Structures are given as C-alpha cells and as structure tokens.
Amino acid sequence: MAQLDTGTEELLCVLENGVAVVTLNRPEKRNALSDRLTPALRSVLLELEAHRDVRVVVITGAGKAFCSGGDVSGMSGSVRPPSSDLETAIRTLQHRQETLTLRLFELAKPTIAALPGPAAGAGLSIALACDLRVAAESAFLSTAFANIGLSGDYGGSWLLTQLVGTARAKELYYTARRVPAREALALGLVNELTADEALMIRVRELAATIAAGPPIALRYMKENLGRALQADFRSVLALEADRMVRCTHTEDHREAVRAFLEKRRPAFVGR
C-alpha cells in the first residue's frame, strides 16, 4: 500500500493493487469543500489519471458523510464581487467546475463514489460525476442548493437529468428534499446499497474486479458511453468501430484470447 502526498491532511489518497482511494477528510464539517481540499482534489485527479499503476479511482468521505458541498459556515463572511467583476467571477467558477467535475466525469479510468452518508450540493455533483455509486443504507442525497438560495453548480443539473430525467431532476432541485438511499437506488442514482459497516469492503471488492480488467478496453468503453450521451447513433457507431479495431491490436486482447483457450484468467498489463 502506498500513500500519495496530496499536500494537505484534508485530502487523503492511498494506492493498493491498482485501486486509488481518495478520501475527503474534513469529517467535522461533513467533508465540506474548502480552499485547501478542493484544489488538492483537482490536482490529485490529474496525477491519478497519469499514474500507470492506477486502474480504478474511488472517492469517499471520512466519517459519516460523503461531502456536504460548500462550507455554508464560511459563506456569511465571504466578500461578494462588485457587479463590474461579475464576469471575472463567472469565468473563475467555470474554470473551477471544468477542472473538477468535468475532469472527473471525463477521467480516462473507471471511477466509483463510495457514499458513507450525505452527498449534498456540489458534493452530490461530485458523486454523480463518477461512473458508479455505492451507498451505505444510512446515506442520503440532496441537491440542497435551494436551502441556501442558490441555483446550483458543478454540473449537477446535467448529471442528474441524465440519470433520472428532466421532471424528476426539476423536482429534486426545486424542493431540495433528502433522497434516502433506498429511493436513490430505485431512481437509479446509486448502483448498489450496502450495510453501513460493509461499504468499503464492497467498494474495494467492486474496484478490484474492475481493476483486474483490460485497462485500454475499459477506457474505450467509458469513452463510447460518454459519447452516447450527446452524439447520434451514426457517430457512436463510428467511434465504436475505431476503438474496437484499436483493441484488437493490443497485447491485452491477445492475452485474453490465450487465456480463454487455456481456460484461465487473463493477466492484463494495459498494453
């Protein structure tokens, strides 16, 4: 097991057997985002994407929460930009969004959000930007923005609409109600539920299964599925053909065929 330096104790990262577990570590604040945690998360996502030994990225929260979003306790004293600086503030937030949830959504490796408890506001957006979500039975999800007079950021409106449709997404944004884990499973917001104490056991098991797969093919699968959200059928067919043929030229494909014929598990190396 190797511990990666994130530059702050507010974000932890451990790498073991191809699985990087990134932990938001402000349990006393329900892992709310901060001026130290959030930049560190942006940086570590870049590092993990480039790290050859990382095959799956898991994001979770310390204690009994995933992430409560922005730190509301610090909002009352924050300085609002004058109207002349609104465009600068907008561009700054756009950049921050693109380098966090967009980067996470487009990460070239499978991602899993492990939810030990609440995922709210921008924390919900981070969870939704992951490929898969596994929730503890006591967890809940909430858009939360309406509760503090905000409209929402970090792509939650788009991500939520993709999963549950426009009408349900509007309801969840307008009401900011809590969605219990079992309802979240029924809505398709999470892929699995576990007992609270078994969450990380199950997530590590799932991550290990994916990490044992063919990295190049998995990257192409993610790209194909991401393209399917926006492109027409013809465009997706063209991309699939390109990526499929490229896979046939990989060492992993040849190893998988040999393993099938020899009735054994393949050992993928990412080439």
C-alpha atoms as a PDB file:
ATOM      1  CA  MET A   1       0.000   0.000   0.000  1.00  0.00           C
ATOM      2  CA  ALA A   2       1.354   3.418  -0.984  1.00  0.00           C
ATOM      3  CA  GLN A   3       0.197   6.772   0.335  1.00  0.00           C
ATOM      4  CA  LEU A   4       0.252   9.636  -2.161  1.00  0.00           C
ATOM      5  CA  ASP A   5       1.066  13.137  -0.952  1.00  0.00           C
ATOM      6  CA  THR A   6      -1.853  15.474  -1.676  1.00  0.00           C
ATOM      7  CA  GLY A   7      -0.319  18.472   0.064  1.00  0.00           C
ATOM      8  CA  THR A   8      -2.991  18.620   2.766  1.00  0.00           C
ATOM      9  CA  GLU A   9      -4.464  16.461   5.515  1.00  0.00           C
ATOM     10  CA  GLU A  10      -7.899  17.453   4.219  1.00  0.00           C
ATOM     11  CA  LEU A  11      -7.461  15.026   1.324  1.00  0.00           C
ATOM     12  CA  LEU A  12      -6.001  11.539   1.656  1.00  0.00           C
ATOM     13  CA  CYS A  13      -5.007   9.196  -1.155  1.00  0.00           C
ATOM     14  CA  VAL A  14      -3.911   5.569  -0.874  1.00  0.00           C
ATOM     15  CA  LEU A  15      -2.964   3.270  -3.754  1.00  0.00           C
ATOM     16  CA  GLU A  16      -3.159  -0.513  -3.464  1.00  0.00           C
ATOM     17  CA  ASN A  17      -3.402  -3.205  -6.155  1.00  0.00           C
ATOM     18  CA  GLY A  18      -4.352  -0.750  -8.891  1.00  0.00           C
ATOM     19  CA  VAL A  19      -7.074   0.975  -6.852  1.00  0.00           C
ATOM     20  CA  ALA A  20      -6.604   4.558  -5.659  1.00  0.00           C
ATOM     21  CA  VAL A  21      -8.862   5.515  -2.749  1.00  0.00           C
ATOM     22  CA  VAL A  22      -9.262   9.287  -2.388  1.00  0.00           C
ATOM     23  CA  THR A  23     -10.800  10.370   0.918  1.00  0.00           C
ATOM     24  CA  LEU A  24     -12.286  13.803   1.571  1.00  0.00           C
ATOM     25  CA  ASN A  25     -11.055  14.320   5.127  1.00  0.00           C
ATOM     26  CA  ARG A  26     -12.988  17.035   6.939  1.00  0.00           C
ATOM     27  CA  PRO A  27     -15.331  14.829   8.981  1.00  0.00           C
ATOM     28  CA  GLU A  28     -16.053  17.612  11.479  1.00  0.00           C
ATOM     29  CA  LYS A  29     -17.531  19.619   8.548  1.00  0.00           C
ATOM     30  CA  ARG A  30     -19.162  16.640   6.825  1.00  0.00           C
ATOM     31  CA  ASN A  31     -16.296  16.828   4.335  1.00  0.00           C
ATOM     32  CA  ALA A  32     -17.405  20.198   3.000  1.00  0.00           C
ATOM     33  CA  LEU A  33     -15.226  21.612   0.252  1.00  0.00           C
ATOM     34  CA  SER A  34     -12.575  24.142   1.253  1.00  0.00           C
ATOM     35  CA  ASP A  35      -9.801  26.302  -0.179  1.00  0.00           C
ATOM     36  CA  ARG A  36      -7.338  23.509   0.622  1.00  0.00           C
ATOM     37  CA  LEU A  37      -9.351  20.371  -0.070  1.00  0.00           C
ATOM     38  CA  THR A  38     -10.781  21.362  -3.445  1.00  0.00           C
ATOM     39  CA  PRO A  39      -7.542  22.422  -5.201  1.00  0.00           C
ATOM     40  CA  ALA A  40      -5.885  19.274  -3.831  1.00  0.00           C
ATOM     41  CA  LEU A  41      -8.682  17.150  -5.296  1.00  0.00           C
ATOM     42  CA  ARG A  42      -8.242  18.818  -8.685  1.00  0.00           C
ATOM     43  CA  SER A  43      -4.516  18.093  -8.609  1.00  0.00           C
ATOM     44  CA  VAL A  44      -4.787  14.507  -7.430  1.00  0.00           C
ATOM     45  CA  LEU A  45      -7.248  13.652 -10.208  1.00  0.00           C
ATOM     46  CA  LEU A  46      -4.667  14.759 -12.768  1.00  0.00           C
ATOM     47  CA  GLU A  47      -1.965  12.763 -11.008  1.00  0.00           C
ATOM     48  CA  LEU A  48      -4.068   9.605 -10.813  1.00  0.00           C
ATOM     49  CA  GLU A  49      -5.089   9.812 -14.460  1.00  0.00           C
ATOM     50  CA  ALA A  50      -1.411   9.879 -15.467  1.00  0.00           C
ATOM     51  CA  HIS A  51      -0.293   7.259 -12.915  1.00  0.00           C
ATOM     52  CA  ARG A  52       0.357   3.996 -14.758  1.00  0.00           C
ATOM     53  CA  ASP A  53      -0.335   1.831 -11.698  1.00  0.00           C
ATOM     54  CA  VAL A  54      -3.804   3.305 -11.122  1.00  0.00           C
ATOM     55  CA  ARG A  55      -6.611   1.411 -12.826  1.00  0.00           C
ATOM     56  CA  VAL A  56      -9.637   2.479 -10.760  1.00  0.00           C
ATOM     57  CA  VAL A  57     -10.281   5.610  -8.692  1.00  0.00           C
ATOM     58  CA  VAL A  58     -12.557   5.503  -5.638  1.00  0.00           C
ATOM     59  CA  ILE A  59     -13.735   8.726  -3.988  1.00  0.00           C
ATOM     60  CA  THR A  60     -15.218   8.631  -0.498  1.00  0.00           C
ATOM     61  CA  GLY A  61     -15.570  10.742   2.630  1.00  0.00           C
ATOM     62  CA  ALA A  62     -14.191  10.336   6.129  1.00  0.00           C
ATOM     63  CA  GLY A  63     -16.613   9.640   8.960  1.00  0.00           C
ATOM     64  CA  LYS A  64     -20.341   9.550   8.328  1.00  0.00           C
ATOM     65  CA  ALA A  65     -20.641  11.770   5.251  1.00  0.00           C
ATOM     66  CA  PHE A  66     -19.522  11.784   1.638  1.00  0.00           C
ATOM     67  CA  CYS A  67     -19.491  15.532   1.024  1.00  0.00           C
ATOM     68  CA  SER A  68     -21.912  18.257   2.102  1.00  0.00           C
ATOM     69  CA  GLY A  69     -20.851  20.587  -0.703  1.00  0.00           C
ATOM     70  CA  GLY A  70     -19.712  24.130   0.001  1.00  0.00           C
ATOM     71  CA  ASP A  71     -18.938  25.135   3.570  1.00  0.00           C
ATOM     72  CA  VAL A  72     -22.022  27.192   4.445  1.00  0.00           C
ATOM     73  CA  SER A  73     -20.491  28.379   7.723  1.00  0.00           C
ATOM     74  CA  GLY A  74     -17.939  30.345   5.729  1.00  0.00           C
ATOM     75  CA  MET A  75     -20.396  31.941   3.320  1.00  0.00           C
ATOM     76  CA  SER A  76     -21.696  34.692   5.626  1.00  0.00           C
ATOM     77  CA  GLY A  77     -18.322  36.395   5.778  1.00  0.00           C
ATOM     78  CA  SER A  78     -17.365  35.968   2.156  1.00  0.00           C
ATOM     79  CA  VAL A  79     -16.866  39.097   0.064  1.00  0.00           C
ATOM     80  CA  ARG A  80     -19.209  39.437  -2.887  1.00  0.00           C
ATOM     81  CA  PRO A  81     -17.616  40.771  -6.082  1.00  0.00           C
ATOM     82  CA  PRO A  82     -18.838  44.168  -7.300  1.00  0.00           C
ATOM     83  CA  SER A  83     -21.082  43.984 -10.330  1.00  0.00           C
ATOM     84  CA  SER A  84     -18.200  45.119 -12.535  1.00  0.00           C
ATOM     85  CA  ASP A  85     -16.331  41.933 -11.583  1.00  0.00           C
ATOM     86  CA  LEU A  86     -19.219  39.549 -12.159  1.00  0.00           C
ATOM     87  CA  GLU A  87     -17.828  38.286 -15.463  1.00  0.00           C
ATOM     88  CA  THR A  88     -14.478  37.528 -13.839  1.00  0.00           C
ATOM     89  CA  ALA A  89     -16.207  35.639 -11.029  1.00  0.00           C
ATOM     90  CA  ILE A  90     -18.269  33.679 -13.561  1.00  0.00           C
ATOM     91  CA  ARG A  91     -15.204  32.715 -15.585  1.00  0.00           C
ATOM     92  CA  THR A  92     -13.415  31.679 -12.393  1.00  0.00           C
ATOM     93  CA  LEU A  93     -16.253  29.375 -11.377  1.00  0.00           C
ATOM     94  CA  GLN A  94     -16.477  27.947 -14.889  1.00  0.00           C
ATOM     95  CA  HIS A  95     -12.784  27.076 -14.752  1.00  0.00           C
ATOM     96  CA  ARG A  96     -13.144  25.526 -11.303  1.00  0.00           C
ATOM     97  CA  GLN A  97     -16.042  23.384 -12.491  1.00  0.00           C
ATOM     98  CA  GLU A  98     -14.206  22.202 -15.595  1.00  0.00           C
ATOM     99  CA  THR A  99     -11.140  21.220 -13.574  1.00  0.00           C
ATOM    100  CA  LEU A 100     -13.146  19.262 -11.008  1.00  0.00           C
ATOM    101  CA  THR A 101     -16.405  17.590 -12.021  1.00  0.00           C
ATOM    102  CA  LEU A 102     -15.776  17.730 -15.775  1.00  0.00           C
ATOM    103  CA  ARG A 103     -12.274  16.342 -15.215  1.00  0.00           C
ATOM    104  CA  LEU A 104     -13.734  13.618 -13.011  1.00  0.00           C
ATOM    105  CA  PHE A 105     -16.506  12.815 -15.489  1.00  0.00           C
ATOM    106  CA  GLU A 106     -14.015  12.536 -18.363  1.00  0.00           C
ATOM    107  CA  LEU A 107     -11.272  10.787 -16.391  1.00  0.00           C
ATOM    108  CA  ALA A 108      -9.797   8.053 -18.585  1.00  0.00           C
ATOM    109  CA  LYS A 109     -10.184   5.451 -15.832  1.00  0.00           C
ATOM    110  CA  PRO A 110     -13.255   3.971 -14.106  1.00  0.00           C
ATOM    111  CA  THR A 111     -14.403   5.890 -11.047  1.00  0.00           C
ATOM    112  CA  ILE A 112     -16.555   4.870  -8.080  1.00  0.00           C
ATOM    113  CA  ALA A 113     -18.129   7.103  -5.432  1.00  0.00           C
ATOM    114  CA  ALA A 114     -18.493   5.381  -2.054  1.00  0.00           C
ATOM    115  CA  LEU A 115     -21.162   7.180  -0.040  1.00  0.00           C
ATOM    116  CA  PRO A 116     -20.979   6.525   3.728  1.00  0.00           C
ATOM    117  CA  GLY A 117     -23.516   9.286   4.350  1.00  0.00           C
ATOM    118  CA  PRO A 118     -24.901  12.502   2.864  1.00  0.00           C
ATOM    119  CA  ALA A 119     -23.921  13.741  -0.586  1.00  0.00           C
ATOM    120  CA  ALA A 120     -25.352  17.237  -0.980  1.00  0.00           C
ATOM    121  CA  GLY A 121     -24.942  20.279  -3.200  1.00  0.00           C
ATOM    122  CA  ALA A 122     -21.613  20.241  -5.000  1.00  0.00           C
ATOM    123  CA  GLY A 123     -20.874  17.023  -3.104  1.00  0.00           C
ATOM    124  CA  LEU A 124     -23.769  15.403  -4.942  1.00  0.00           C
ATOM    125  CA  SER A 125     -22.359  16.723  -8.226  1.00  0.00           C
ATOM    126  CA  ILE A 126     -19.005  15.083  -7.444  1.00  0.00           C
ATOM    127  CA  ALA A 127     -20.720  11.767  -6.706  1.00  0.00           C
ATOM    128  CA  LEU A 128     -22.802  11.966  -9.893  1.00  0.00           C
ATOM    129  CA  ALA A 129     -19.690  12.726 -11.973  1.00  0.00           C
ATOM    130  CA  CYS A 130     -18.301   9.307 -11.024  1.00  0.00           C
ATOM    131  CA  ASP A 131     -19.110   6.283 -13.174  1.00  0.00           C
ATOM    132  CA  LEU A 132     -20.643   4.227 -10.350  1.00  0.00           C
ATOM    133  CA  ARG A 133     -22.039   4.971  -6.903  1.00  0.00           C
ATOM    134  CA  VAL A 134     -22.314   2.611  -3.935  1.00  0.00           C
ATOM    135  CA  ALA A 135     -24.180   3.916  -0.901  1.00  0.00           C
ATOM    136  CA  ALA A 136     -24.450   2.879   2.712  1.00  0.00           C
ATOM    137  CA  GLU A 137     -28.027   2.274   3.820  1.00  0.00           C
ATOM    138  CA  SER A 138     -27.974   5.371   6.065  1.00  0.00           C
ATOM    139  CA  ALA A 139     -26.797   7.685   3.269  1.00  0.00           C
ATOM    140  CA  PHE A 140     -28.992  10.241   1.553  1.00  0.00           C
ATOM    141  CA  LEU A 141     -28.671  12.578  -1.422  1.00  0.00           C
ATOM    142  CA  SER A 142     -29.850  16.154  -1.785  1.00  0.00           C
ATOM    143  CA  THR A 143     -29.376  18.929  -4.308  1.00  0.00           C
ATOM    144  CA  ALA A 144     -29.551  21.274  -1.267  1.00  0.00           C
ATOM    145  CA  PHE A 145     -28.955  24.499  -3.219  1.00  0.00           C
ATOM    146  CA  ALA A 146     -32.472  25.908  -2.752  1.00  0.00           C
ATOM    147  CA  ASN A 147     -31.979  25.705   1.016  1.00  0.00           C
ATOM    148  CA  ILE A 148     -29.338  28.452   0.832  1.00  0.00           C
ATOM    149  CA  GLY A 149     -30.817  30.485  -2.017  1.00  0.00           C
ATOM    150  CA  LEU A 150     -28.508  29.234  -4.746  1.00  0.00           C
ATOM    151  CA  SER A 151     -29.250  27.744  -8.187  1.00  0.00           C
ATOM    152  CA  GLY A 152     -26.577  25.029  -8.312  1.00  0.00           C
ATOM    153  CA  ASP A 153     -23.159  24.429  -9.816  1.00  0.00           C
ATOM    154  CA  TYR A 154     -20.549  21.790 -10.709  1.00  0.00           C
ATOM    155  CA  GLY A 155     -22.796  20.204 -13.324  1.00  0.00           C
ATOM    156  CA  GLY A 156     -25.373  18.647 -11.035  1.00  0.00           C
ATOM    157  CA  SER A 157     -28.317  19.757 -13.192  1.00  0.00           C
ATOM    158  CA  TRP A 158     -26.915  17.989 -16.269  1.00  0.00           C
ATOM    159  CA  LEU A 159     -25.663  14.907 -14.442  1.00  0.00           C
ATOM    160  CA  LEU A 160     -28.914  14.449 -12.517  1.00  0.00           C
ATOM    161  CA  THR A 161     -31.050  14.897 -15.632  1.00  0.00           C
ATOM    162  CA  GLN A 162     -29.071  12.188 -17.445  1.00  0.00           C
ATOM    163  CA  LEU A 163     -29.834   9.715 -14.661  1.00  0.00           C
ATOM    164  CA  VAL A 164     -33.431  10.458 -13.684  1.00  0.00           C
ATOM    165  CA  GLY A 165     -34.942  12.595 -16.456  1.00  0.00           C
ATOM    166  CA  THR A 166     -35.968  16.239 -16.574  1.00  0.00           C
ATOM    167  CA  ALA A 167     -39.155  16.118 -14.489  1.00  0.00           C
ATOM    168  CA  ARG A 168     -37.588  14.267 -11.567  1.00  0.00           C
ATOM    169  CA  ALA A 169     -34.437  16.402 -11.705  1.00  0.00           C
ATOM    170  CA  LYS A 170     -36.564  19.551 -11.513  1.00  0.00           C
ATOM    171  CA  GLU A 171     -38.437  18.185  -8.505  1.00  0.00           C
ATOM    172  CA  LEU A 172     -35.211  17.363  -6.682  1.00  0.00           C
ATOM    173  CA  TYR A 173     -33.725  20.782  -7.427  1.00  0.00           C
ATOM    174  CA  TYR A 174     -36.845  22.792  -6.620  1.00  0.00           C
ATOM    175  CA  THR A 175     -37.595  21.019  -3.323  1.00  0.00           C
ATOM    176  CA  ALA A 176     -34.021  20.181  -2.207  1.00  0.00           C
ATOM    177  CA  ARG A 177     -35.553  17.246  -0.351  1.00  0.00           C
ATOM    178  CA  ARG A 178     -33.482  14.420   1.027  1.00  0.00           C
ATOM    179  CA  VAL A 179     -33.500  11.282  -1.092  1.00  0.00           C
ATOM    180  CA  PRO A 180     -32.918   8.244   1.181  1.00  0.00           C
ATOM    181  CA  ALA A 181     -30.523   5.593  -0.069  1.00  0.00           C
ATOM    182  CA  ARG A 182     -33.254   3.083  -0.929  1.00  0.00           C
ATOM    183  CA  GLU A 183     -35.144   5.626  -3.025  1.00  0.00           C
ATOM    184  CA  ALA A 184     -31.857   6.668  -4.657  1.00  0.00           C
ATOM    185  CA  LEU A 185     -31.332   3.045  -5.662  1.00  0.00           C
ATOM    186  CA  ALA A 186     -34.858   2.826  -7.103  1.00  0.00           C
ATOM    187  CA  LEU A 187     -34.313   6.052  -9.064  1.00  0.00           C
ATOM    188  CA  GLY A 188     -31.004   4.833 -10.474  1.00  0.00           C
ATOM    189  CA  LEU A 189     -28.965   7.453  -8.630  1.00  0.00           C
ATOM    190  CA  VAL A 190     -26.857   4.746  -6.985  1.00  0.00           C
ATOM    191  CA  ASN A 191     -25.892   1.334  -8.299  1.00  0.00           C
ATOM    192  CA  GLU A 192     -25.819  -0.589  -5.019  1.00  0.00           C
ATOM    193  CA  LEU A 193     -26.660  -0.351  -1.332  1.00  0.00           C
ATOM    194  CA  THR A 194     -24.671  -1.947   1.457  1.00  0.00           C
ATOM    195  CA  ALA A 195     -24.868  -2.128   5.211  1.00  0.00           C
ATOM    196  CA  ASP A 196     -23.067   0.883   6.676  1.00  0.00           C
ATOM    197  CA  GLU A 197     -20.229  -1.188   8.109  1.00  0.00           C
ATOM    198  CA  ALA A 198     -19.726  -3.114   4.854  1.00  0.00           C
ATOM    199  CA  LEU A 199     -19.484  -0.124   2.486  1.00  0.00           C
ATOM    200  CA  MET A 200     -15.734  -0.006   1.884  1.00  0.00           C
ATOM    201  CA  ILE A 201     -15.447  -3.794   1.859  1.00  0.00           C
ATOM    202  CA  ARG A 202     -17.927  -3.953  -1.004  1.00  0.00           C
ATOM    203  CA  VAL A 203     -16.460  -0.947  -2.822  1.00  0.00           C
ATOM    204  CA  ARG A 204     -12.942  -2.386  -2.658  1.00  0.00           C
ATOM    205  CA  GLU A 205     -14.270  -5.697  -3.970  1.00  0.00           C
ATOM    206  CA  LEU A 206     -16.014  -3.967  -6.878  1.00  0.00           C
ATOM    207  CA  ALA A 207     -12.969  -1.798  -7.601  1.00  0.00           C
ATOM    208  CA  ALA A 208     -10.678  -4.844  -7.559  1.00  0.00           C
ATOM    209  CA  THR A 209     -12.913  -6.636 -10.061  1.00  0.00           C
ATOM    210  CA  ILE A 210     -12.795  -3.672 -12.437  1.00  0.00           C
ATOM    211  CA  ALA A 211      -9.071  -3.108 -11.863  1.00  0.00           C
ATOM    212  CA  ALA A 212      -8.405  -6.694 -12.983  1.00  0.00           C
ATOM    213  CA  GLY A 213      -9.983  -5.916 -16.362  1.00  0.00           C
ATOM    214  CA  PRO A 214      -8.308  -4.691 -19.575  1.00  0.00           C
ATOM    215  CA  PRO A 215      -7.389  -1.006 -18.978  1.00  0.00           C
ATOM    216  CA  ILE A 216      -7.344   0.063 -22.623  1.00  0.00           C
ATOM    217  CA  ALA A 217     -10.687  -1.564 -23.408  1.00  0.00           C
ATOM    218  CA  LEU A 218     -12.232  -0.089 -20.256  1.00  0.00           C
ATOM    219  CA  ARG A 219     -11.009   3.379 -21.224  1.00  0.00           C
ATOM    220  CA  TYR A 220     -12.565   2.990 -24.663  1.00  0.00           C
ATOM    221  CA  MET A 221     -15.819   1.687 -23.142  1.00  0.00           C
ATOM    222  CA  LYS A 222     -16.029   4.801 -20.980  1.00  0.00           C
ATOM    223  CA  GLU A 223     -15.355   6.998 -23.994  1.00  0.00           C
ATOM    224  CA  ASN A 224     -18.043   5.222 -26.056  1.00  0.00           C
ATOM    225  CA  LEU A 225     -20.625   5.527 -23.290  1.00  0.00           C
ATOM    226  CA  GLY A 226     -19.781   9.175 -22.697  1.00  0.00           C
ATOM    227  CA  ARG A 227     -20.172   9.928 -26.401  1.00  0.00           C
ATOM    228  CA  ALA A 228     -23.549   8.169 -26.381  1.00  0.00           C
ATOM    229  CA  LEU A 229     -24.927  10.893 -24.098  1.00  0.00           C
ATOM    230  CA  GLN A 230     -24.610  13.548 -26.777  1.00  0.00           C
ATOM    231  CA  ALA A 231     -23.883  12.074 -30.208  1.00  0.00           C
ATOM    232  CA  ASP A 232     -26.190  10.435 -32.723  1.00  0.00           C
ATOM    233  CA  PHE A 233     -26.150   6.688 -33.436  1.00  0.00           C
ATOM    234  CA  ARG A 234     -24.025   7.023 -36.560  1.00  0.00           C
ATOM    235  CA  SER A 235     -21.321   8.937 -34.657  1.00  0.00           C
ATOM    236  CA  VAL A 236     -21.287   6.373 -31.859  1.00  0.00           C
ATOM    237  CA  LEU A 237     -21.011   3.535 -34.382  1.00  0.00           C
ATOM    238  CA  ALA A 238     -18.006   5.251 -35.972  1.00  0.00           C
ATOM    239  CA  LEU A 239     -16.283   5.708 -32.598  1.00  0.00           C
ATOM    240  CA  GLU A 240     -17.022   2.120 -31.555  1.00  0.00           C
ATOM    241  CA  ALA A 241     -15.508   0.782 -34.776  1.00  0.00           C
ATOM    242  CA  ASP A 242     -12.372   2.856 -34.290  1.00  0.00           C
ATOM    243  CA  ARG A 243     -11.888   1.796 -30.675  1.00  0.00           C
ATOM    244  CA  MET A 244     -12.761  -1.849 -31.358  1.00  0.00           C
ATOM    245  CA  VAL A 245     -10.150  -2.191 -34.080  1.00  0.00           C
ATOM    246  CA  ARG A 246      -7.552  -0.486 -31.883  1.00  0.00           C
ATOM    247  CA  CYS A 247      -8.308  -3.023 -29.126  1.00  0.00           C
ATOM    248  CA  THR A 248      -7.603  -5.913 -31.498  1.00  0.00           C
ATOM    249  CA  HIS A 249      -4.031  -4.648 -31.801  1.00  0.00           C
ATOM    250  CA  THR A 250      -3.357  -4.678 -28.047  1.00  0.00           C
ATOM    251  CA  GLU A 251      -1.341  -7.179 -26.091  1.00  0.00           C
ATOM    252  CA  ASP A 252      -4.262  -7.422 -23.650  1.00  0.00           C
ATOM    253  CA  HIS A 253      -6.583  -8.697 -26.387  1.00  0.00           C
ATOM    254  CA  ARG A 254      -4.077 -11.369 -27.407  1.00  0.00           C
ATOM    255  CA  GLU A 255      -3.625 -12.357 -23.759  1.00  0.00           C
ATOM    256  CA  ALA A 256      -7.403 -12.615 -23.266  1.00  0.00           C
ATOM    257  CA  VAL A 257      -7.743 -14.936 -26.276  1.00  0.00           C
ATOM    258  CA  ARG A 258      -4.896 -17.145 -24.999  1.00  0.00           C
ATOM    259  CA  ALA A 259      -6.430 -17.244 -21.524  1.00  0.00           C
ATOM    260  CA  PHE A 260      -9.815 -18.230 -22.963  1.00  0.00           C
ATOM    261  CA  LEU A 261      -8.293 -21.107 -24.925  1.00  0.00           C
ATOM    262  CA  GLU A 262      -6.212 -22.198 -21.930  1.00  0.00           C
ATOM    263  CA  LYS A 263      -9.190 -21.905 -19.541  1.00  0.00           C
ATOM    264  CA  ARG A 264      -7.503 -19.495 -17.126  1.00  0.00           C
ATOM    265  CA  ARG A 265      -7.911 -15.894 -16.001  1.00  0.00           C
ATOM    266  CA  PRO A 266      -6.167 -13.336 -18.220  1.00  0.00           C
ATOM    267  CA  ALA A 267      -3.449 -11.116 -16.775  1.00  0.00           C
ATOM    268  CA  PHE A 268      -3.916  -7.664 -18.317  1.00  0.00           C
ATOM    269  CA  VAL A 269      -0.981  -5.259 -18.488  1.00  0.00           C
ATOM    270  CA  GLY A 270      -2.512  -2.230 -20.179  1.00  0.00           C
ATOM    271  CA  ARG A 271      -0.686  -2.564 -23.499  1.00  0.00           C
END
